[in-house]
Amino acid sequence: MLPTVTNYRVVPAVAEMGKETEIKIVPNERAFLFFEGVEYTVHIICADDDEVCYFTPTTKHSVAVTAADGILKFNYTFDREQEYLLILEKDAKKVAEFFIYSLAKDLYELSPLRGDFHGHSYRSDAKRDPGALLGHYREQGYDFMALTDHNRYYPGLEMDEAFEGVKLGITHVPGEEIHFPGCMIHTVHVGGKSSVAALYCKDEAKCRAEADEYIEKVPADVPEQYRERYSRQMWITDRVHEAGGLAIFPHPFWKPGGSRVFNVQEQFARIILKSGMYDAYELVGGMGQIGINFSINLRAELLSEGVKFPVVGSSDVHGIVGAETFPHLFTVCFAKDNSVESIMDALKAGRTVAVEATGDEYKRQYRCYGDLRLVYYAQFLLTNYFPKLQRICAGEGIAMRSYLMGLAPASLIEAQVEQTESFKTEFFGKREYIPVSDEIKEYEDKWREVQLAGPTGKGSAYHSEKITRQI
C-alpha cells in the first residue's frame, strides 16, 4: 500500500521496551516546522489495553511538550511489547496521530526484511532477465529474493556477476528448484553454495542409485506406496544440506479440486512434513492464490499434533505483468542483518511470517501467518514501514535495470542505497536524528513572516475566519 502523505513523522517508530527513549515529532516539509515555545500535548495509548469501549480509550498517558528548534521532543519508557498510538493535540484539538511499536530486546536487535524465497527467470521458464528481475524486486521494496530456476542454479551466478562490485540494497539468495526424476514433490533449495540439480542432470543413473540406497533408511511406519518416493526426498534434502542450503517444501496444493495433475497427495504431504527433513514450508505461494487455505488448514492440524516448522510466503513468480502472486505473496523475515547467512539463520530458527496481500497499491490488506508475536509486529510494519520503504526503493530498482543496459552509473544506485539506509536507521532509532539546519529555519521564518502579514482568509475568500492551520 502506498503511504499516506503526512505533515509530520515520529522518530523512532520502533523503540526498545523498558528503555527510556527520546521521542521526536518532526516535520516532513518546511512549512510545518513547529513554532518556537508553543506547547502541545501528546496522549500515549496502548493498542492492547483493557478498555470497555472500542472508540474512546480511557487509559492513556499524557505528556506536555514545548516546541524547540522546529520539533517536539520528550522522553518516554514503553513498558509492554505492543503497538502504541500517539495523538498530538494543541488546545484540545487533534493535530496528528502516530504509531510506535515497542519491542523486547531480542526482537528489537533484529532487522525486519521483506523477501521472496521462490522465483524464476528467463533462464528457465519465466519472462525476465535474471539481473533485471532483481531490479523489479527492489522497485517493489524487497530486501532479498531467491532465484530458484527449475533444475538450474547458474542463473543466480549470472545475477551476481551482473552487479559485481556494485553496492546494492537488495540481497540475492542463491537457489534452485529441484525436480529429481520420479519425484512428485518439488524442492526449493535456498542458500546453498553449489547445485543439487547439476548432480542428477550430469549423471542421473548415479543419483538414482544413491537414492535407492536410502530405502533401507526409510522409517518402518511409512506406507509401502510412498517408500520409494520418501527415499528420494531423503536423498534430495541431504544433498541440499551438504551444499550448505535449506530445503523448502513448496505448493503442495498447487492444483486442488478437479485438476489434481500436480498435487502432492495429502497423506504423503503430511508424512513429509512430519519427517523433519524439510527446513520450511511454503504456506503461502504457488501458481496463483488458489489452494492457499488448504495449506493453512493443514498446518493448523499439524500444529495441534505438536508438529511445528518454519513457514514462508513465496510468489513463484514467472511473469511481472499482470502477475497474481508478485508482489502479493512474500515473507517477512527477522534477521541480524541483510546477508544470506543471517537470512538463512532466521529461516531455520522460524523467525519468519508468511504474507498474502489483496487489493491494489492504494488500498492493500494483508493476512499474516506465523507465530503470533511476529505476526503482531509484521502487521505494524506492513502498515507503517514497508510501504514507505517501497516508495524509497522504487528509484533504486529502476536504476538497477538501467545500469544493466549501460544507461545509468553504479554511483546512481549506490546514492539511492544510502538514502534507503538513512530511512531505515531513523525509523528503528539506530542513529541520531539529524536536526533541521539553521539555513532551513531561516528560510521558513522569512516566508512565514510574509504569510502572516498577508490576508487572514483562506482559499478565494479574502475576508474570512482565521487560518485554521498551525499558523
Foldseek 3Di string as FASTA:
>chain_A
DADDDDQWAKWAQEAAAPDKDKIKIAGPDLLQQADAFAKKKKKKAFPDDDAPDDPDDDDIDIDIWGHDQRMTIDIDHHHDFAKMKIFIGHPNHTDDIYIHGYHHPVQLLWDKFWEALAAEAPVAQFDHQLQLVQLVCLLQQGQEYEHAEELDQCSLVVNCVLQPPFDFSHYYWTWYWYDQPPELWIKTKTRFPDDPSCVCVVPVPVLLVVLVVQLVVFDPPDDPVCSSNVSNLLSVLVVSVVRVIFIEGEDQPQDDDPDCPSHDPPVVVVVVQQVPSHQEYALAEHQARPPSVVSVVVQVVVVVVVRDHAYWWHHNDRYDPPRRRPPFWIKIFIFSDSYSVRRRVRSNVNRMKTWGWDDDPVDIDIDIDGPPSSVSVVRVCVRPPSSVSSVLSSVLSVQSVCVSVVNHDSVVNVVSSVVSVVVVCRNSVVDDDDRDDPVSNVVNVVVVVVVVPAAQDDDPDRDDHGDPHSD
